[in-house]
Amino acid sequence: MFRPDDPLAPRDSVFDEAWQAQVLAMADTMVRGGVFTATAWAETLGAELRRAEALGQPDTTQTYYEAALGALEALTTGTTDLTETDLSTRKAEWTRAYERTPHGQPVILDRGRD
């Protein structure tokens, strides 16, 4: 007898890379820590996904990751003392650290050297 696939099971992996899942882990940690609510997370993520759809972005794991990251950044700057400038500065520090790290070695962020 034919049985349909489990309708509740995800059709694909949520992310292409394991490290991308960290955005959801950070959001969960911030919800559990009371930084923002689960409702605020769901609403902000939903808004980011609708924005991506309105811009014609494809329904891919990369688009979902970018929406989740955008939601996390928006909530972080909206509920903590961190600013968008703080986030941009930190991203630039990580980029410089990554670019100077030999292949196969761990990336170490050394704020004193940047």
C-alpha atoms as a PDB file:
ATOM      1  CA  MET A   1       0.000   0.000   0.000  1.00  0.00           C
ATOM      2  CA  PHE A   2       1.249   3.460  -0.927  1.00  0.00           C
ATOM      3  CA  ARG A   3       1.916   5.758   2.044  1.00  0.00           C
ATOM      4  CA  PRO A   4       2.779   9.427   1.622  1.00  0.00           C
ATOM      5  CA  ASP A   5       5.961  10.790   3.092  1.00  0.00           C
ATOM      6  CA  ASP A   6       5.760  12.200   6.581  1.00  0.00           C
ATOM      7  CA  PRO A   7       4.234  15.666   6.036  1.00  0.00           C
ATOM      8  CA  LEU A   8       5.975  16.990   9.151  1.00  0.00           C
ATOM      9  CA  ALA A   9       9.448  15.875   8.128  1.00  0.00           C
ATOM     10  CA  PRO A  10      11.603  18.550   6.520  1.00  0.00           C
ATOM     11  CA  ARG A  11      12.055  17.986   2.791  1.00  0.00           C
ATOM     12  CA  ASP A  12      15.701  19.066   2.810  1.00  0.00           C
ATOM     13  CA  SER A  13      18.380  20.136   5.225  1.00  0.00           C
ATOM     14  CA  VAL A  14      17.701  23.580   6.631  1.00  0.00           C
ATOM     15  CA  PHE A  15      21.280  24.672   5.917  1.00  0.00           C
ATOM     16  CA  ASP A  16      24.053  23.707   3.523  1.00  0.00           C
ATOM     17  CA  GLU A  17      26.745  23.839   6.192  1.00  0.00           C
ATOM     18  CA  ALA A  18      26.687  22.890   9.865  1.00  0.00           C
ATOM     19  CA  TRP A  19      28.164  26.260  10.851  1.00  0.00           C
ATOM     20  CA  GLN A  20      25.153  28.023   9.351  1.00  0.00           C
ATOM     21  CA  ALA A  21      22.947  26.392  11.994  1.00  0.00           C
ATOM     22  CA  GLN A  22      24.744  28.453  14.627  1.00  0.00           C
ATOM     23  CA  VAL A  23      22.456  31.383  13.784  1.00  0.00           C
ATOM     24  CA  LEU A  24      19.486  29.359  15.080  1.00  0.00           C
ATOM     25  CA  ALA A  25      21.445  28.220  18.124  1.00  0.00           C
ATOM     26  CA  MET A  26      22.332  31.819  18.960  1.00  0.00           C
ATOM     27  CA  ALA A  27      18.722  32.926  18.514  1.00  0.00           C
ATOM     28  CA  ASP A  28      17.543  30.096  20.781  1.00  0.00           C
ATOM     29  CA  THR A  29      20.120  31.036  23.410  1.00  0.00           C
ATOM     30  CA  MET A  30      19.021  34.672  23.291  1.00  0.00           C
ATOM     31  CA  VAL A  31      15.338  33.713  23.584  1.00  0.00           C
ATOM     32  CA  ARG A  32      16.086  31.423  26.544  1.00  0.00           C
ATOM     33  CA  GLY A  33      18.187  34.184  28.095  1.00  0.00           C
ATOM     34  CA  GLY A  34      15.361  36.701  27.826  1.00  0.00           C
ATOM     35  CA  VAL A  35      17.139  39.009  25.387  1.00  0.00           C
ATOM     36  CA  PHE A  36      14.102  38.853  23.104  1.00  0.00           C
ATOM     37  CA  THR A  37      10.962  36.728  22.938  1.00  0.00           C
ATOM     38  CA  ALA A  38      10.227  33.731  20.754  1.00  0.00           C
ATOM     39  CA  THR A  39       7.375  35.770  19.273  1.00  0.00           C
ATOM     40  CA  ALA A  40       9.745  38.607  18.362  1.00  0.00           C
ATOM     41  CA  TRP A  41      12.110  36.064  16.764  1.00  0.00           C
ATOM     42  CA  ALA A  42       9.329  34.444  14.733  1.00  0.00           C
ATOM     43  CA  GLU A  43       7.924  37.789  13.589  1.00  0.00           C
ATOM     44  CA  THR A  44      11.325  39.199  12.653  1.00  0.00           C
ATOM     45  CA  LEU A  45      12.402  36.046  10.824  1.00  0.00           C
ATOM     46  CA  GLY A  46       9.071  35.979   9.003  1.00  0.00           C
ATOM     47  CA  ALA A  47       9.523  39.602   7.952  1.00  0.00           C
ATOM     48  CA  GLU A  48      13.029  38.839   6.644  1.00  0.00           C
ATOM     49  CA  LEU A  49      11.736  35.857   4.657  1.00  0.00           C
ATOM     50  CA  ARG A  50       8.894  37.944   3.180  1.00  0.00           C
ATOM     51  CA  ARG A  51      11.403  40.650   2.247  1.00  0.00           C
ATOM     52  CA  ALA A  52      13.601  38.087   0.499  1.00  0.00           C
ATOM     53  CA  GLU A  53      10.581  36.744  -1.380  1.00  0.00           C
ATOM     54  CA  ALA A  54       9.522  40.263  -2.413  1.00  0.00           C
ATOM     55  CA  LEU A  55      13.036  40.853  -3.746  1.00  0.00           C
ATOM     56  CA  GLY A  56      12.709  37.705  -5.865  1.00  0.00           C
ATOM     57  CA  GLN A  57      15.371  35.755  -4.002  1.00  0.00           C
ATOM     58  CA  PRO A  58      15.196  31.994  -4.588  1.00  0.00           C
ATOM     59  CA  ASP A  59      13.809  29.649  -1.947  1.00  0.00           C
ATOM     60  CA  THR A  60      17.158  28.124  -0.983  1.00  0.00           C
ATOM     61  CA  THR A  61      19.047  27.266   2.174  1.00  0.00           C
ATOM     62  CA  GLN A  62      21.313  30.267   1.525  1.00  0.00           C
ATOM     63  CA  THR A  63      18.318  32.608   1.390  1.00  0.00           C
ATOM     64  CA  TYR A  64      16.982  31.117   4.635  1.00  0.00           C
ATOM     65  CA  TYR A  65      20.387  31.500   6.310  1.00  0.00           C
ATOM     66  CA  GLU A  66      20.652  35.138   5.219  1.00  0.00           C
ATOM     67  CA  ALA A  67      17.124  35.841   6.482  1.00  0.00           C
ATOM     68  CA  ALA A  68      17.860  34.177   9.828  1.00  0.00           C
ATOM     69  CA  LEU A  69      21.116  36.109  10.158  1.00  0.00           C
ATOM     70  CA  GLY A  70      19.366  39.368   9.259  1.00  0.00           C
ATOM     71  CA  ALA A  71      16.664  38.694  11.854  1.00  0.00           C
ATOM     72  CA  LEU A  72      19.227  37.876  14.523  1.00  0.00           C
ATOM     73  CA  GLU A  73      21.219  41.015  13.768  1.00  0.00           C
ATOM     74  CA  ALA A  74      18.095  43.207  13.773  1.00  0.00           C
ATOM     75  CA  LEU A  75      16.940  41.830  17.108  1.00  0.00           C
ATOM     76  CA  THR A  76      20.430  42.071  18.583  1.00  0.00           C
ATOM     77  CA  THR A  77      20.823  45.738  17.683  1.00  0.00           C
ATOM     78  CA  GLY A  78      17.259  46.423  18.762  1.00  0.00           C
ATOM     79  CA  THR A  79      17.481  44.785  22.193  1.00  0.00           C
ATOM     80  CA  THR A  80      21.105  45.154  23.302  1.00  0.00           C
ATOM     81  CA  ASP A  81      23.732  47.870  23.517  1.00  0.00           C
ATOM     82  CA  LEU A  82      25.360  46.591  20.313  1.00  0.00           C
ATOM     83  CA  THR A  83      24.976  48.817  17.273  1.00  0.00           C
ATOM     84  CA  GLU A  84      25.076  48.089  13.563  1.00  0.00           C
ATOM     85  CA  THR A  85      28.529  49.722  13.575  1.00  0.00           C
ATOM     86  CA  ASP A  86      29.660  47.277  16.287  1.00  0.00           C
ATOM     87  CA  LEU A  87      28.480  44.362  14.146  1.00  0.00           C
ATOM     88  CA  SER A  88      30.179  45.742  11.014  1.00  0.00           C
ATOM     89  CA  THR A  89      33.422  46.266  12.907  1.00  0.00           C
ATOM     90  CA  ARG A  90      33.369  42.727  14.283  1.00  0.00           C
ATOM     91  CA  LYS A  91      32.651  41.259  10.829  1.00  0.00           C
ATOM     92  CA  ALA A  92      35.616  43.178   9.410  1.00  0.00           C
ATOM     93  CA  GLU A  93      37.834  41.864  12.229  1.00  0.00           C
ATOM     94  CA  TRP A  94      36.773  38.287  11.460  1.00  0.00           C
ATOM     95  CA  THR A  95      37.343  38.796   7.741  1.00  0.00           C
ATOM     96  CA  ARG A  96      40.886  40.065   8.344  1.00  0.00           C
ATOM     97  CA  ALA A  97      41.595  37.182  10.738  1.00  0.00           C
ATOM     98  CA  TYR A  98      40.260  34.656   8.202  1.00  0.00           C
ATOM     99  CA  GLU A  99      42.309  36.138   5.368  1.00  0.00           C
ATOM    100  CA  ARG A 100      45.563  35.898   7.304  1.00  0.00           C
ATOM    101  CA  THR A 101      44.945  32.358   8.587  1.00  0.00           C
ATOM    102  CA  PRO A 102      46.763  29.565   6.719  1.00  0.00           C
ATOM    103  CA  HIS A 103      44.501  26.973   5.097  1.00  0.00           C
ATOM    104  CA  GLY A 104      43.500  24.219   7.489  1.00  0.00           C
ATOM    105  CA  GLN A 105      44.313  26.214  10.600  1.00  0.00           C
ATOM    106  CA  PRO A 106      41.735  27.556  13.050  1.00  0.00           C
ATOM    107  CA  VAL A 107      40.807  31.195  12.658  1.00  0.00           C
ATOM    108  CA  ILE A 108      41.820  33.151  15.735  1.00  0.00           C
ATOM    109  CA  LEU A 109      40.407  36.591  16.304  1.00  0.00           C
ATOM    110  CA  ASP A 110      43.060  38.753  17.931  1.00  0.00           C
ATOM    111  CA  ARG A 111      41.546  42.189  18.388  1.00  0.00           C
ATOM    112  CA  GLY A 112      44.897  43.620  19.430  1.00  0.00           C
ATOM    113  CA  ARG A 113      46.403  42.906  15.986  1.00  0.00           C
ATOM    114  CA  ASP A 114      43.587  44.349  13.871  1.00  0.00           C
END
